[in-house]
């Protein structure tokens, strides 16, 4: 009885280890960088359009700045990485 329990446990552990998936990612940019660039373009366009509207105020300006600045940093990182990949 004990021997069958040990062999069942051992076979279960070995089959789980065989089905394990690596949790590491390769070095590089994620495939969703295009979505970040599209979001940046849309937010910058919205900022330009809203700036001529009568609804424009300081709070809306700071809100759009808070969303575009991280995307600008991401965009710069994407461009630098792509250029270094070519060189």
C-alpha atoms as a PDB file:
ATOM      1  CA  UNK A   1       0.000   0.000   0.000  1.00  0.00           C
ATOM      2  CA  UNK A   2       2.755   2.430   0.973  1.00  0.00           C
ATOM      3  CA  UNK A   3       4.800   1.480  -2.085  1.00  0.00           C
ATOM      4  CA  UNK A   4       1.903   2.169  -4.466  1.00  0.00           C
ATOM      5  CA  UNK A   5       1.283   5.553  -2.839  1.00  0.00           C
ATOM      6  CA  UNK A   6       4.938   6.500  -3.237  1.00  0.00           C
ATOM      7  CA  UNK A   7       5.003   5.398  -6.875  1.00  0.00           C
ATOM      8  CA  UNK A   8       1.767   7.276  -7.620  1.00  0.00           C
ATOM      9  CA  UNK A   9       3.136  10.414  -5.995  1.00  0.00           C
ATOM     10  CA  UNK A  10       6.427  10.088  -7.861  1.00  0.00           C
ATOM     11  CA  UNK A  11       4.704   9.621 -11.213  1.00  0.00           C
ATOM     12  CA  UNK A  12       2.412  12.597 -10.519  1.00  0.00           C
ATOM     13  CA  UNK A  13       5.377  14.817  -9.653  1.00  0.00           C
ATOM     14  CA  UNK A  14       7.332  13.759 -12.718  1.00  0.00           C
ATOM     15  CA  UNK A  15       4.363  14.308 -15.051  1.00  0.00           C
ATOM     16  CA  UNK A  16       3.780  17.785 -13.575  1.00  0.00           C
ATOM     17  CA  UNK A  17       7.435  18.642 -14.029  1.00  0.00           C
ATOM     18  CA  UNK A  18       7.293  17.497 -17.652  1.00  0.00           C
ATOM     19  CA  UNK A  19       4.346  19.802 -18.309  1.00  0.00           C
ATOM     20  CA  UNK A  20       5.926  22.831 -16.646  1.00  0.00           C
ATOM     21  CA  UNK A  21       6.114  25.975 -18.734  1.00  0.00           C
ATOM     22  CA  UNK A  22       9.056  28.324 -18.556  1.00  0.00           C
ATOM     23  CA  UNK A  23       8.144  31.636 -16.968  1.00  0.00           C
ATOM     24  CA  UNK A  24      11.076  33.531 -18.456  1.00  0.00           C
ATOM     25  CA  UNK A  25      10.642  35.954 -21.311  1.00  0.00           C
ATOM     26  CA  UNK A  26      13.153  36.711 -24.006  1.00  0.00           C
ATOM     27  CA  UNK A  27      14.969  40.029 -23.986  1.00  0.00           C
ATOM     28  CA  UNK A  28      13.259  42.550 -26.191  1.00  0.00           C
ATOM     29  CA  UNK A  29      10.149  44.612 -26.526  1.00  0.00           C
ATOM     30  CA  UNK A  30       6.680  43.250 -25.955  1.00  0.00           C
ATOM     31  CA  UNK A  31       4.489  42.758 -28.966  1.00  0.00           C
ATOM     32  CA  UNK A  32       2.065  45.345 -27.665  1.00  0.00           C
ATOM     33  CA  UNK A  33       4.367  48.301 -28.296  1.00  0.00           C
ATOM     34  CA  UNK A  34       2.250  49.179 -31.307  1.00  0.00           C
ATOM     35  CA  UNK A  35      -0.766  49.634 -29.041  1.00  0.00           C
ATOM     36  CA  UNK A  36       1.199  52.046 -26.862  1.00  0.00           C
ATOM     37  CA  UNK A  37       2.180  54.093 -29.916  1.00  0.00           C
ATOM     38  CA  UNK A  38      -1.422  54.160 -31.159  1.00  0.00           C
ATOM     39  CA  UNK A  39      -2.627  55.257 -27.707  1.00  0.00           C
ATOM     40  CA  UNK A  40       0.007  57.999 -27.672  1.00  0.00           C
ATOM     41  CA  UNK A  41      -1.097  59.267 -31.080  1.00  0.00           C
ATOM     42  CA  UNK A  42      -4.758  59.269 -30.022  1.00  0.00           C
ATOM     43  CA  UNK A  43      -4.051  61.086 -26.754  1.00  0.00           C
ATOM     44  CA  UNK A  44      -1.870  63.718 -28.416  1.00  0.00           C
ATOM     45  CA  UNK A  45      -4.556  64.242 -31.073  1.00  0.00           C
ATOM     46  CA  UNK A  46      -7.225  64.591 -28.396  1.00  0.00           C
ATOM     47  CA  UNK A  47      -5.070  67.116 -26.564  1.00  0.00           C
ATOM     48  CA  UNK A  48      -4.635  69.220 -29.702  1.00  0.00           C
ATOM     49  CA  UNK A  49      -8.335  69.103 -30.525  1.00  0.00           C
ATOM     50  CA  UNK A  50      -9.462  69.838 -26.975  1.00  0.00           C
ATOM     51  CA  UNK A  51      -7.010  72.726 -26.566  1.00  0.00           C
ATOM     52  CA  UNK A  52      -9.026  74.861 -28.994  1.00  0.00           C
ATOM     53  CA  UNK A  53     -12.335  73.973 -27.359  1.00  0.00           C
ATOM     54  CA  UNK A  54     -14.091  76.121 -24.775  1.00  0.00           C
ATOM     55  CA  UNK A  55     -14.101  73.081 -22.454  1.00  0.00           C
ATOM     56  CA  UNK A  56     -10.296  73.297 -22.094  1.00  0.00           C
ATOM     57  CA  UNK A  57      -9.050  73.968 -18.575  1.00  0.00           C
ATOM     58  CA  UNK A  58      -5.977  73.396 -16.456  1.00  0.00           C
ATOM     59  CA  UNK A  59      -7.335  70.190 -14.929  1.00  0.00           C
ATOM     60  CA  UNK A  60      -7.951  68.625 -18.353  1.00  0.00           C
ATOM     61  CA  UNK A  61      -4.480  69.687 -19.461  1.00  0.00           C
ATOM     62  CA  UNK A  62      -2.778  68.082 -16.466  1.00  0.00           C
ATOM     63  CA  UNK A  63      -4.878  64.939 -16.853  1.00  0.00           C
ATOM     64  CA  UNK A  64      -3.821  64.515 -20.475  1.00  0.00           C
ATOM     65  CA  UNK A  65      -0.207  65.273 -19.547  1.00  0.00           C
ATOM     66  CA  UNK A  66      -0.270  62.531 -16.915  1.00  0.00           C
ATOM     67  CA  UNK A  67      -1.378  60.003 -19.515  1.00  0.00           C
ATOM     68  CA  UNK A  68       0.909  61.077 -22.344  1.00  0.00           C
ATOM     69  CA  UNK A  69       4.197  61.456 -20.462  1.00  0.00           C
ATOM     70  CA  UNK A  70       4.593  57.743 -19.568  1.00  0.00           C
ATOM     71  CA  UNK A  71       3.658  56.831 -23.132  1.00  0.00           C
ATOM     72  CA  UNK A  72       6.277  59.271 -24.456  1.00  0.00           C
ATOM     73  CA  UNK A  73       8.905  57.596 -22.275  1.00  0.00           C
ATOM     74  CA  UNK A  74       7.791  54.187 -23.590  1.00  0.00           C
ATOM     75  CA  UNK A  75       7.899  55.481 -27.152  1.00  0.00           C
ATOM     76  CA  UNK A  76      11.429  56.811 -26.652  1.00  0.00           C
ATOM     77  CA  UNK A  77      12.506  53.457 -25.216  1.00  0.00           C
ATOM     78  CA  UNK A  78      10.988  51.623 -28.186  1.00  0.00           C
ATOM     79  CA  UNK A  79      12.771  53.887 -30.663  1.00  0.00           C
ATOM     80  CA  UNK A  80      16.112  53.566 -28.858  1.00  0.00           C
ATOM     81  CA  UNK A  81      15.773  49.782 -28.688  1.00  0.00           C
ATOM     82  CA  UNK A  82      14.852  49.483 -32.367  1.00  0.00           C
ATOM     83  CA  UNK A  83      17.781  51.697 -33.402  1.00  0.00           C
ATOM     84  CA  UNK A  84      20.208  49.720 -31.241  1.00  0.00           C
ATOM     85  CA  UNK A  85      18.814  46.507 -32.706  1.00  0.00           C
ATOM     86  CA  UNK A  86      19.657  47.741 -36.221  1.00  0.00           C
ATOM     87  CA  UNK A  87      23.152  48.898 -35.261  1.00  0.00           C
END
